[in-house]
């Protein structure tokens, strides 16, 4: 069943607490289940059960960052992720196992653990079925609090530098299960 996405833009007061790097915007799903930064001139569009962030309008887009989220339990619930299989298992069986593209390379699995979340990501190369040329895809599975997020990115080899910067910025800024009571104010002061 497809979710109905709502997107609204509001003018925030000068006293809001949202902070992004210069030139970036903050993307928030489900009142803080997931938030991350992306370039401010990119285009956000829902696609089924995911949100896609493009480097331009179609047909001039060359990079797509895609985010989907699963929440287990109510906002603020804590999930014991230790009883679930490790992220490596999910990456091999779910993410890569369901990928029907003709893969030509699989990079190493990189894992990061922070105090509030963990994630694993990798990059593959594949032959794009439409363009019939090499493309790159990155997939990141992240979990923390009561949230599991799948973040993917597809791009052409000539867009590697921009894609890499956006990917690194998104993962560095990634927050899970930091729910925001009042989106006009932003996250609480820490």
C-alpha atoms as a PDB file:
ATOM      1  CA  UNK A   1       0.000   0.000   0.000  1.00  0.00           C
ATOM      2  CA  UNK A   2       1.454   3.316  -1.013  1.00  0.00           C
ATOM      3  CA  UNK A   3       1.754   6.109   1.516  1.00  0.00           C
ATOM      4  CA  UNK A   4       0.280   9.518   0.845  1.00  0.00           C
ATOM      5  CA  UNK A   5       3.103  11.993   1.189  1.00  0.00           C
ATOM      6  CA  UNK A   6       2.556  15.554   2.256  1.00  0.00           C
ATOM      7  CA  UNK A   7       5.067  18.253   1.532  1.00  0.00           C
ATOM      8  CA  UNK A   8       4.705  21.757   2.848  1.00  0.00           C
ATOM      9  CA  UNK A   9       7.033  24.706   3.078  1.00  0.00           C
ATOM     10  CA  UNK A  10       6.761  27.237   5.875  1.00  0.00           C
ATOM     11  CA  UNK A  11       8.594  30.400   6.773  1.00  0.00           C
ATOM     12  CA  UNK A  12      10.324  29.787  10.076  1.00  0.00           C
ATOM     13  CA  UNK A  13      10.903  32.349  12.770  1.00  0.00           C
ATOM     14  CA  UNK A  14      14.409  33.659  13.295  1.00  0.00           C
ATOM     15  CA  UNK A  15      14.513  31.674  16.549  1.00  0.00           C
ATOM     16  CA  UNK A  16      14.149  28.207  14.989  1.00  0.00           C
ATOM     17  CA  UNK A  17      16.814  25.618  15.845  1.00  0.00           C
ATOM     18  CA  UNK A  18      17.232  23.904  12.474  1.00  0.00           C
ATOM     19  CA  UNK A  19      20.894  24.051  11.417  1.00  0.00           C
ATOM     20  CA  UNK A  20      22.303  22.971   8.055  1.00  0.00           C
ATOM     21  CA  UNK A  21      25.603  23.570   6.334  1.00  0.00           C
ATOM     22  CA  UNK A  22      25.590  26.591   4.005  1.00  0.00           C
ATOM     23  CA  UNK A  23      23.812  25.759   0.753  1.00  0.00           C
ATOM     24  CA  UNK A  24      22.025  22.736   2.215  1.00  0.00           C
ATOM     25  CA  UNK A  25      18.472  22.013   3.301  1.00  0.00           C
ATOM     26  CA  UNK A  26      17.326  19.572   5.971  1.00  0.00           C
ATOM     27  CA  UNK A  27      15.048  16.757   4.904  1.00  0.00           C
ATOM     28  CA  UNK A  28      12.792  15.358   7.650  1.00  0.00           C
ATOM     29  CA  UNK A  29      10.558  12.278   7.372  1.00  0.00           C
ATOM     30  CA  UNK A  30       7.769  11.516   9.850  1.00  0.00           C
ATOM     31  CA  UNK A  31       8.525  14.350  12.281  1.00  0.00           C
ATOM     32  CA  UNK A  32      12.121  13.242  12.799  1.00  0.00           C
ATOM     33  CA  UNK A  33      12.154   9.495  12.195  1.00  0.00           C
ATOM     34  CA  UNK A  34      14.849  10.343   9.639  1.00  0.00           C
ATOM     35  CA  UNK A  35      16.562  13.599   8.916  1.00  0.00           C
ATOM     36  CA  UNK A  36      19.549  14.414   6.771  1.00  0.00           C
ATOM     37  CA  UNK A  37      21.004  17.248   4.728  1.00  0.00           C
ATOM     38  CA  UNK A  38      20.982  17.588   0.952  1.00  0.00           C
ATOM     39  CA  UNK A  39      21.913  20.362  -1.516  1.00  0.00           C
ATOM     40  CA  UNK A  40      19.405  23.199  -1.340  1.00  0.00           C
ATOM     41  CA  UNK A  41      18.869  23.408  -5.093  1.00  0.00           C
ATOM     42  CA  UNK A  42      17.959  19.722  -5.483  1.00  0.00           C
ATOM     43  CA  UNK A  43      14.379  18.594  -6.183  1.00  0.00           C
ATOM     44  CA  UNK A  44      12.373  16.458  -3.708  1.00  0.00           C
ATOM     45  CA  UNK A  45       9.659  14.127  -5.045  1.00  0.00           C
ATOM     46  CA  UNK A  46       7.722  11.202  -3.577  1.00  0.00           C
ATOM     47  CA  UNK A  47       7.835   7.920  -5.472  1.00  0.00           C
ATOM     48  CA  UNK A  48       5.591   5.228  -4.009  1.00  0.00           C
ATOM     49  CA  UNK A  49       6.797   4.438  -0.498  1.00  0.00           C
ATOM     50  CA  UNK A  50      10.026   6.417  -0.827  1.00  0.00           C
ATOM     51  CA  UNK A  51      11.197   9.970  -1.211  1.00  0.00           C
ATOM     52  CA  UNK A  52      13.619  10.818  -4.006  1.00  0.00           C
ATOM     53  CA  UNK A  53      15.913  13.813  -4.085  1.00  0.00           C
ATOM     54  CA  UNK A  54      17.224  14.685  -7.557  1.00  0.00           C
ATOM     55  CA  UNK A  55      20.007  16.991  -8.687  1.00  0.00           C
ATOM     56  CA  UNK A  56      17.592  18.538 -11.213  1.00  0.00           C
ATOM     57  CA  UNK A  57      14.220  18.223 -12.866  1.00  0.00           C
ATOM     58  CA  UNK A  58      13.644  15.406 -15.337  1.00  0.00           C
ATOM     59  CA  UNK A  59      15.020  14.839 -17.925  1.00  0.00           C
ATOM     60  CA  UNK A  60      18.045  16.844 -16.755  1.00  0.00           C
ATOM     61  CA  UNK A  61      18.624  14.817 -13.570  1.00  0.00           C
ATOM     62  CA  UNK A  62      21.799  12.739 -13.280  1.00  0.00           C
ATOM     63  CA  UNK A  63      21.893  11.846  -9.570  1.00  0.00           C
ATOM     64  CA  UNK A  64      19.122  10.396  -7.411  1.00  0.00           C
ATOM     65  CA  UNK A  65      19.237  10.083  -3.622  1.00  0.00           C
ATOM     66  CA  UNK A  66      16.369   7.935  -2.331  1.00  0.00           C
ATOM     67  CA  UNK A  67      15.165   7.402   1.248  1.00  0.00           C
ATOM     68  CA  UNK A  68      12.678   4.938   2.679  1.00  0.00           C
ATOM     69  CA  UNK A  69      11.881   4.401   6.335  1.00  0.00           C
ATOM     70  CA  UNK A  70      10.391   1.714   8.555  1.00  0.00           C
ATOM     71  CA  UNK A  71       9.307   2.594  12.077  1.00  0.00           C
ATOM     72  CA  UNK A  72       8.924  -0.195  14.628  1.00  0.00           C
ATOM     73  CA  UNK A  73       6.553   0.823  17.380  1.00  0.00           C
ATOM     74  CA  UNK A  74       5.417   4.286  18.412  1.00  0.00           C
ATOM     75  CA  UNK A  75       7.583   7.418  18.271  1.00  0.00           C
ATOM     76  CA  UNK A  76      10.255   7.252  20.919  1.00  0.00           C
ATOM     77  CA  UNK A  77      10.148   3.464  21.315  1.00  0.00           C
ATOM     78  CA  UNK A  78      13.525   1.805  21.683  1.00  0.00           C
ATOM     79  CA  UNK A  79      14.186  -1.355  19.707  1.00  0.00           C
ATOM     80  CA  UNK A  80      16.757  -3.887  20.857  1.00  0.00           C
ATOM     81  CA  UNK A  81      18.582  -4.162  17.548  1.00  0.00           C
ATOM     82  CA  UNK A  82      20.846  -6.824  19.081  1.00  0.00           C
ATOM     83  CA  UNK A  83      18.128  -9.446  18.601  1.00  0.00           C
ATOM     84  CA  UNK A  84      17.988  -8.741  14.853  1.00  0.00           C
ATOM     85  CA  UNK A  85      20.460 -10.157  12.331  1.00  0.00           C
ATOM     86  CA  UNK A  86      23.512  -7.971  11.730  1.00  0.00           C
ATOM     87  CA  UNK A  87      23.343  -5.275   9.072  1.00  0.00           C
ATOM     88  CA  UNK A  88      25.683  -7.310   6.862  1.00  0.00           C
ATOM     89  CA  UNK A  89      23.039 -10.034   6.643  1.00  0.00           C
ATOM     90  CA  UNK A  90      20.348  -7.564   5.547  1.00  0.00           C
ATOM     91  CA  UNK A  91      22.644  -5.969   2.988  1.00  0.00           C
ATOM     92  CA  UNK A  92      23.456  -9.356   1.417  1.00  0.00           C
ATOM     93  CA  UNK A  93      19.993 -10.901   1.514  1.00  0.00           C
ATOM     94  CA  UNK A  94      17.562  -8.007   1.214  1.00  0.00           C
ATOM     95  CA  UNK A  95      19.362  -5.124  -0.468  1.00  0.00           C
ATOM     96  CA  UNK A  96      21.687  -7.014  -2.821  1.00  0.00           C
ATOM     97  CA  UNK A  97      19.537 -10.149  -3.018  1.00  0.00           C
ATOM     98  CA  UNK A  98      16.611  -8.198  -4.477  1.00  0.00           C
ATOM     99  CA  UNK A  99      18.746  -6.178  -6.902  1.00  0.00           C
ATOM    100  CA  UNK A 100      18.019  -7.434 -10.421  1.00  0.00           C
ATOM    101  CA  UNK A 101      20.461  -5.136 -12.213  1.00  0.00           C
ATOM    102  CA  UNK A 102      23.445  -6.596 -14.052  1.00  0.00           C
ATOM    103  CA  UNK A 103      26.164  -5.940 -11.476  1.00  0.00           C
ATOM    104  CA  UNK A 104      29.699  -5.535 -12.744  1.00  0.00           C
ATOM    105  CA  UNK A 105      31.397  -4.699  -9.426  1.00  0.00           C
ATOM    106  CA  UNK A 106      30.610  -4.856  -5.720  1.00  0.00           C
ATOM    107  CA  UNK A 107      32.652  -2.686  -3.372  1.00  0.00           C
ATOM    108  CA  UNK A 108      33.473  -3.468   0.258  1.00  0.00           C
ATOM    109  CA  UNK A 109      30.874  -3.124   2.993  1.00  0.00           C
ATOM    110  CA  UNK A 110      31.680  -0.120   5.194  1.00  0.00           C
ATOM    111  CA  UNK A 111      30.228  -0.019   8.705  1.00  0.00           C
ATOM    112  CA  UNK A 112      29.795   2.918  11.072  1.00  0.00           C
ATOM    113  CA  UNK A 113      28.577   2.808  14.642  1.00  0.00           C
ATOM    114  CA  UNK A 114      27.654   5.954  16.535  1.00  0.00           C
ATOM    115  CA  UNK A 115      26.196   6.213  20.015  1.00  0.00           C
ATOM    116  CA  UNK A 116      22.665   6.647  18.613  1.00  0.00           C
ATOM    117  CA  UNK A 117      22.696   4.662  15.354  1.00  0.00           C
ATOM    118  CA  UNK A 118      24.587   2.243  13.169  1.00  0.00           C
ATOM    119  CA  UNK A 119      24.772   1.871   9.428  1.00  0.00           C
ATOM    120  CA  UNK A 120      26.447  -0.170   6.733  1.00  0.00           C
ATOM    121  CA  UNK A 121      26.860   0.832   3.121  1.00  0.00           C
ATOM    122  CA  UNK A 122      28.433  -0.312  -0.105  1.00  0.00           C
ATOM    123  CA  UNK A 123      28.718   0.651  -3.739  1.00  0.00           C
ATOM    124  CA  UNK A 124      28.068  -1.404  -6.843  1.00  0.00           C
ATOM    125  CA  UNK A 125      28.554  -0.754 -10.528  1.00  0.00           C
ATOM    126  CA  UNK A 126      25.961  -1.914 -13.016  1.00  0.00           C
ATOM    127  CA  UNK A 127      24.973  -1.475 -16.632  1.00  0.00           C
ATOM    128  CA  UNK A 128      21.993   0.851 -16.866  1.00  0.00           C
ATOM    129  CA  UNK A 129      19.303  -1.022 -18.834  1.00  0.00           C
ATOM    130  CA  UNK A 130      17.991   2.124 -20.552  1.00  0.00           C
ATOM    131  CA  UNK A 131      21.191   4.035 -21.313  1.00  0.00           C
ATOM    132  CA  UNK A 132      23.253   0.822 -21.827  1.00  0.00           C
ATOM    133  CA  UNK A 133      26.213   2.266 -19.992  1.00  0.00           C
ATOM    134  CA  UNK A 134      27.996   1.955 -16.680  1.00  0.00           C
ATOM    135  CA  UNK A 135      26.370   3.519 -13.619  1.00  0.00           C
ATOM    136  CA  UNK A 136      27.058   3.489  -9.886  1.00  0.00           C
ATOM    137  CA  UNK A 137      24.697   2.685  -7.058  1.00  0.00           C
ATOM    138  CA  UNK A 138      25.210   3.058  -3.330  1.00  0.00           C
ATOM    139  CA  UNK A 139      23.028   1.501  -0.660  1.00  0.00           C
ATOM    140  CA  UNK A 140      23.040   2.258   3.054  1.00  0.00           C
ATOM    141  CA  UNK A 141      21.001   0.461   5.687  1.00  0.00           C
ATOM    142  CA  UNK A 142      20.823   2.446   8.933  1.00  0.00           C
ATOM    143  CA  UNK A 143      19.062   1.730  12.212  1.00  0.00           C
ATOM    144  CA  UNK A 144      18.645   3.478  15.524  1.00  0.00           C
ATOM    145  CA  UNK A 145      15.912   4.074  18.098  1.00  0.00           C
ATOM    146  CA  UNK A 146      12.803   2.554  16.531  1.00  0.00           C
ATOM    147  CA  UNK A 147      13.774   3.366  12.938  1.00  0.00           C
ATOM    148  CA  UNK A 148      15.375   1.504  10.082  1.00  0.00           C
ATOM    149  CA  UNK A 149      16.167   3.507   6.945  1.00  0.00           C
ATOM    150  CA  UNK A 150      17.322   2.485   3.502  1.00  0.00           C
ATOM    151  CA  UNK A 151      19.198   5.213   1.654  1.00  0.00           C
ATOM    152  CA  UNK A 152      20.291   4.673  -1.934  1.00  0.00           C
ATOM    153  CA  UNK A 153      21.962   6.757  -4.603  1.00  0.00           C
ATOM    154  CA  UNK A 154      22.357   6.220  -8.337  1.00  0.00           C
ATOM    155  CA  UNK A 155      24.669   8.284 -10.520  1.00  0.00           C
ATOM    156  CA  UNK A 156      26.834   8.278 -13.638  1.00  0.00           C
ATOM    157  CA  UNK A 157      30.642   7.934 -13.404  1.00  0.00           C
ATOM    158  CA  UNK A 158      31.162  11.543 -14.546  1.00  0.00           C
ATOM    159  CA  UNK A 159      29.078  12.741 -11.560  1.00  0.00           C
ATOM    160  CA  UNK A 160      31.200  10.893  -8.994  1.00  0.00           C
ATOM    161  CA  UNK A 161      32.649  13.958  -7.262  1.00  0.00           C
ATOM    162  CA  UNK A 162      29.284  15.643  -6.663  1.00  0.00           C
ATOM    163  CA  UNK A 163      27.590  12.355  -5.759  1.00  0.00           C
ATOM    164  CA  UNK A 164      30.341  11.461  -3.302  1.00  0.00           C
ATOM    165  CA  UNK A 165      30.112  14.854  -1.575  1.00  0.00           C
ATOM    166  CA  UNK A 166      26.314  14.640  -1.302  1.00  0.00           C
ATOM    167  CA  UNK A 167      26.453  11.023  -0.069  1.00  0.00           C
ATOM    168  CA  UNK A 168      29.061  11.806   2.581  1.00  0.00           C
ATOM    169  CA  UNK A 169      27.123  14.896   3.693  1.00  0.00           C
ATOM    170  CA  UNK A 170      23.877  12.933   3.941  1.00  0.00           C
ATOM    171  CA  UNK A 171      25.462  10.169   6.042  1.00  0.00           C
ATOM    172  CA  UNK A 172      27.380  12.604   8.257  1.00  0.00           C
ATOM    173  CA  UNK A 173      24.180  14.531   8.972  1.00  0.00           C
ATOM    174  CA  UNK A 174      21.954  11.436   9.282  1.00  0.00           C
ATOM    175  CA  UNK A 175      19.812  11.285  12.406  1.00  0.00           C
ATOM    176  CA  UNK A 176      17.286   8.592  13.246  1.00  0.00           C
ATOM    177  CA  UNK A 177      14.425   8.619  15.750  1.00  0.00           C
ATOM    178  CA  UNK A 178      15.071  12.198  16.891  1.00  0.00           C
ATOM    179  CA  UNK A 179      11.446  13.204  16.897  1.00  0.00           C
ATOM    180  CA  UNK A 180      10.497  16.857  16.734  1.00  0.00           C
ATOM    181  CA  UNK A 181       7.461  17.976  18.689  1.00  0.00           C
ATOM    182  CA  UNK A 182       7.232  21.359  16.996  1.00  0.00           C
ATOM    183  CA  UNK A 183       8.663  21.522  13.448  1.00  0.00           C
ATOM    184  CA  UNK A 184       8.486  25.330  13.499  1.00  0.00           C
ATOM    185  CA  UNK A 185      11.095  25.376  16.262  1.00  0.00           C
ATOM    186  CA  UNK A 186      13.188  22.397  15.213  1.00  0.00           C
ATOM    187  CA  UNK A 187      15.010  19.914  17.384  1.00  0.00           C
ATOM    188  CA  UNK A 188      15.495  20.629  21.084  1.00  0.00           C
ATOM    189  CA  UNK A 189      18.628  22.440  22.218  1.00  0.00           C
ATOM    190  CA  UNK A 190      21.375  20.050  23.204  1.00  0.00           C
END
